[in-house]
N, C-alpha and C. Protein backbone atom coordinates (compact mmCIF):
# COMPACT_ATOMS: atom_id res chain seq x y z
N UNK A 1 1.93 -29.03 7.93
CA UNK A 1 1.06 -29.74 7.03
C UNK A 1 0.39 -30.79 8.03
N UNK A 2 -0.61 -31.80 7.51
CA UNK A 2 -1.32 -32.85 7.81
C UNK A 2 -1.25 -33.70 7.03
N UNK A 3 -1.02 -35.03 7.16
CA UNK A 3 -1.13 -36.13 6.15
C UNK A 3 -2.30 -36.73 6.78
N UNK A 4 -3.33 -36.71 5.85
CA UNK A 4 -4.51 -37.49 6.30
C UNK A 4 -4.45 -38.91 5.18
N UNK A 5 -3.57 -39.70 6.10
CA UNK A 5 -2.87 -41.03 5.20
C UNK A 5 -4.24 -41.98 4.96
N UNK A 6 -5.25 -42.39 5.28
CA UNK A 6 -6.27 -42.78 4.95
C UNK A 6 -6.88 -42.32 3.95
N UNK A 7 -7.08 -41.17 3.40
CA UNK A 7 -7.36 -40.49 2.14
C UNK A 7 -6.50 -40.14 1.19
N UNK A 8 -4.99 -40.19 1.50
CA UNK A 8 -3.93 -39.84 0.45
C UNK A 8 -4.06 -38.25 0.00
N UNK A 9 -4.11 -37.36 1.38
CA UNK A 9 -4.22 -36.00 1.14
C UNK A 9 -3.53 -35.36 2.18
N UNK A 10 -3.10 -34.60 1.73
CA UNK A 10 -2.18 -33.34 2.38
C UNK A 10 -2.72 -32.11 2.78
N UNK A 11 -2.82 -31.61 4.08
CA UNK A 11 -3.51 -30.45 4.21
C UNK A 11 -2.29 -29.63 4.27
N UNK A 12 -2.18 -28.10 3.71
CA UNK A 12 -0.90 -27.52 4.24
C UNK A 12 -1.40 -26.02 4.18
N UNK A 13 -0.95 -25.11 5.07
CA UNK A 13 -0.70 -24.01 5.19
C UNK A 13 0.05 -23.12 5.56
N UNK A 14 0.89 -23.03 4.10
CA UNK A 14 2.04 -22.29 4.10
C UNK A 14 2.07 -20.69 4.41
N UNK A 15 3.14 -19.98 4.56
CA UNK A 15 2.99 -18.37 4.83
C UNK A 15 2.04 -17.82 3.88
N UNK A 16 1.17 -17.24 4.33
CA UNK A 16 0.06 -16.57 3.48
C UNK A 16 -1.02 -16.76 3.56
N UNK A 17 -2.24 -16.53 2.81
CA UNK A 17 -3.62 -16.37 3.11
C UNK A 17 -4.56 -17.65 3.09
N UNK A 18 -3.51 -18.86 2.45
CA UNK A 18 -4.43 -19.78 1.79
C UNK A 18 -4.26 -21.20 2.29
N UNK A 19 -5.25 -22.11 2.39
CA UNK A 19 -4.99 -23.26 2.71
C UNK A 19 -5.14 -24.06 1.63
N UNK A 20 -4.02 -25.21 1.43
CA UNK A 20 -4.54 -26.18 0.04
C UNK A 20 -4.55 -28.01 0.74
N UNK A 21 -5.12 -28.30 -0.17
CA UNK A 21 -5.48 -29.80 0.09
C UNK A 21 -4.80 -29.89 -0.81
N UNK A 22 -3.51 -31.44 -1.28
CA UNK A 22 -2.98 -31.72 -2.05
C UNK A 22 -2.84 -33.65 -1.91
N UNK A 23 -2.76 -34.03 -3.23
CA UNK A 23 -3.04 -35.21 -3.70
C UNK A 23 -1.56 -35.70 -3.24
N UNK A 24 -1.73 -36.68 -2.31
CA UNK A 24 -0.09 -36.94 -1.42
C UNK A 24 0.49 -37.76 -2.55
N UNK A 25 -0.40 -38.67 -3.56
CA UNK A 25 0.52 -39.30 -4.86
C UNK A 25 1.10 -38.59 -5.52
N UNK A 26 0.09 -37.61 -6.00
CA UNK A 26 0.68 -36.64 -7.33
C UNK A 26 1.24 -35.47 -7.02
N UNK A 27 1.23 -35.02 -5.68
CA UNK A 27 1.38 -33.82 -5.63
C UNK A 27 0.56 -32.74 -6.43
N UNK A 28 -0.59 -32.96 -6.61
CA UNK A 28 -1.34 -31.93 -7.41
C UNK A 28 -2.36 -31.29 -6.30
N UNK A 29 -2.72 -30.03 -6.36
CA UNK A 29 -3.29 -29.13 -5.93
C UNK A 29 -5.05 -29.29 -5.86
N UNK A 30 -5.40 -29.90 -5.03
CA UNK A 30 -6.90 -30.56 -5.36
C UNK A 30 -8.05 -29.21 -5.04
N UNK A 31 -7.52 -28.58 -3.83
CA UNK A 31 -8.18 -27.33 -3.75
C UNK A 31 -7.39 -25.91 -3.00
N UNK A 32 -7.80 -24.77 -3.17
CA UNK A 32 -7.61 -23.75 -2.35
C UNK A 32 -8.25 -23.12 -1.47
N UNK A 33 -8.20 -22.97 -0.65
CA UNK A 33 -9.31 -21.72 0.34
C UNK A 33 -8.54 -20.67 0.77
N UNK A 34 -8.56 -19.21 0.18
CA UNK A 34 -8.19 -18.32 1.01
C UNK A 34 -8.68 -17.61 1.83
N UNK A 35 -8.23 -17.12 3.03
CA UNK A 35 -8.96 -16.89 4.29
C UNK A 35 -8.90 -15.25 4.12
N UNK A 36 -10.15 -14.76 4.65
CA UNK A 36 -10.35 -13.45 4.48
C UNK A 36 -9.41 -12.56 5.40
N UNK A 37 -9.28 -11.63 4.94
CA UNK A 37 -7.78 -10.74 5.47
C UNK A 37 -6.63 -11.76 5.83
N UNK A 38 -6.01 -11.95 4.56
CA UNK A 38 -5.28 -12.99 4.39
C UNK A 38 -3.59 -12.29 5.02
N UNK A 39 -3.64 -11.21 5.27
CA UNK A 39 -2.40 -10.15 5.46
C UNK A 39 -2.00 -10.57 7.08
N UNK A 40 -2.88 -11.14 7.80
CA UNK A 40 -2.40 -11.52 9.04
C UNK A 40 -2.29 -12.92 9.34
N UNK A 41 -2.38 -13.61 8.31
CA UNK A 41 -2.37 -14.97 8.38
C UNK A 41 -0.99 -15.49 8.38
N UNK A 42 -0.40 -16.04 9.73
CA UNK A 42 0.66 -17.06 9.41
C UNK A 42 0.78 -18.70 9.41
N UNK A 43 1.75 -18.99 8.50
CA UNK A 43 1.38 -20.35 8.36
C UNK A 43 1.75 -21.46 9.44
N UNK A 44 1.12 -22.17 9.28
CA UNK A 44 0.75 -22.96 10.28
C UNK A 44 0.22 -24.42 10.27
N UNK A 45 0.14 -24.99 10.94
CA UNK A 45 -0.19 -26.75 10.55
C UNK A 45 -1.79 -26.81 10.98
N UNK A 46 -2.38 -27.00 9.88
CA UNK A 46 -4.06 -27.08 10.30
C UNK A 46 -3.83 -28.84 10.70
N UNK A 47 -5.23 -28.99 11.28
CA UNK A 47 -5.26 -30.46 11.70
C UNK A 47 -6.88 -31.01 11.51
N UNK A 48 -6.94 -32.51 11.12
CA UNK A 48 -7.90 -32.65 10.16
C UNK A 48 -8.45 -33.75 11.56
N UNK A 49 -10.20 -33.32 11.65
CA UNK A 49 -10.90 -34.38 12.69
C UNK A 49 -11.97 -34.48 11.78
N UNK A 50 -12.04 -35.72 11.49
CA UNK A 50 -13.36 -36.15 10.67
C UNK A 50 -13.40 -35.45 9.44
N UNK A 51 -14.47 -34.66 9.37
CA UNK A 51 -14.83 -33.87 8.22
C UNK A 51 -14.30 -31.93 8.42
N UNK A 52 -13.77 -32.03 9.34
CA UNK A 52 -13.48 -30.55 9.56
C UNK A 52 -12.08 -30.45 9.31
N UNK A 53 -11.37 -29.05 9.20
CA UNK A 53 -10.02 -28.66 9.22
C UNK A 53 -9.97 -27.66 10.25
N UNK A 54 -8.93 -27.56 11.42
CA UNK A 54 -9.17 -26.81 12.26
C UNK A 54 -7.73 -25.81 12.12
N UNK A 55 -7.62 -24.74 12.09
CA UNK A 55 -6.56 -24.22 11.51
C UNK A 55 -6.35 -22.65 12.56
N UNK A 56 -5.28 -22.02 13.25
CA UNK A 56 -5.31 -21.04 13.65
C UNK A 56 -4.63 -19.74 12.71
N UNK A 57 -4.38 -18.72 13.50
CA UNK A 57 -3.86 -17.37 12.69
C UNK A 57 -3.12 -16.58 13.97
N UNK A 58 -2.34 -15.92 13.71
CA UNK A 58 -1.68 -14.87 14.60
C UNK A 58 -2.23 -14.19 15.45
N UNK A 59 -3.45 -14.20 14.99
CA UNK A 59 -4.62 -12.91 16.15
C UNK A 59 -5.30 -13.77 17.15
N UNK A 60 -4.88 -15.36 17.25
CA UNK A 60 -5.25 -16.06 18.20
C UNK A 60 -6.82 -16.56 18.02
N UNK A 61 -6.91 -16.65 16.57
CA UNK A 61 -8.33 -17.35 16.45
C UNK A 61 -8.22 -18.61 15.92
N UNK A 62 -9.26 -19.19 15.72
CA UNK A 62 -9.42 -20.68 15.19
C UNK A 62 -10.09 -20.92 14.14
N UNK A 63 -9.70 -21.18 13.07
CA UNK A 63 -10.85 -21.33 12.31
C UNK A 63 -11.29 -23.04 11.87
N UNK A 64 -12.76 -23.38 11.59
CA UNK A 64 -12.86 -24.79 11.16
C UNK A 64 -13.61 -24.61 10.04
N UNK A 65 -13.08 -25.49 9.63
CA UNK A 65 -13.71 -25.70 7.91
C UNK A 65 -14.21 -26.95 7.79
N UNK A 66 -15.55 -27.21 7.02
CA UNK A 66 -15.98 -27.80 7.13
C UNK A 66 -15.88 -28.78 5.43
N UNK A 67 -15.39 -29.73 5.33
CA UNK A 67 -14.95 -30.51 4.46
C UNK A 67 -16.19 -30.62 3.74
N UNK A 68 -16.96 -30.51 2.18
CA UNK A 68 -17.90 -30.92 1.39
C UNK A 68 -17.78 -32.46 1.16
N UNK A 69 -16.49 -32.70 0.27
CA UNK A 69 -16.33 -33.81 -0.18
C UNK A 69 -14.68 -34.42 0.59
N UNK A 70 -14.97 -35.57 0.41
CA UNK A 70 -13.40 -36.35 1.12
C UNK A 70 -13.05 -37.17 -0.03
């Protein structure tokens, strides 16, 4: 997982096809993004740089998601 301390959000990619944004104070899921072909996805540690979340998969690909709001 990745803790965005400044914005109070946690970005998590557990085992499975989805990445989640979680409110760090309440534990509420703010959004979920399900990757295409999620069966080959391995849970990992997303990383946030500015308005982008970078996440990888078991096939060696990197995914860059642009956050539309923070």
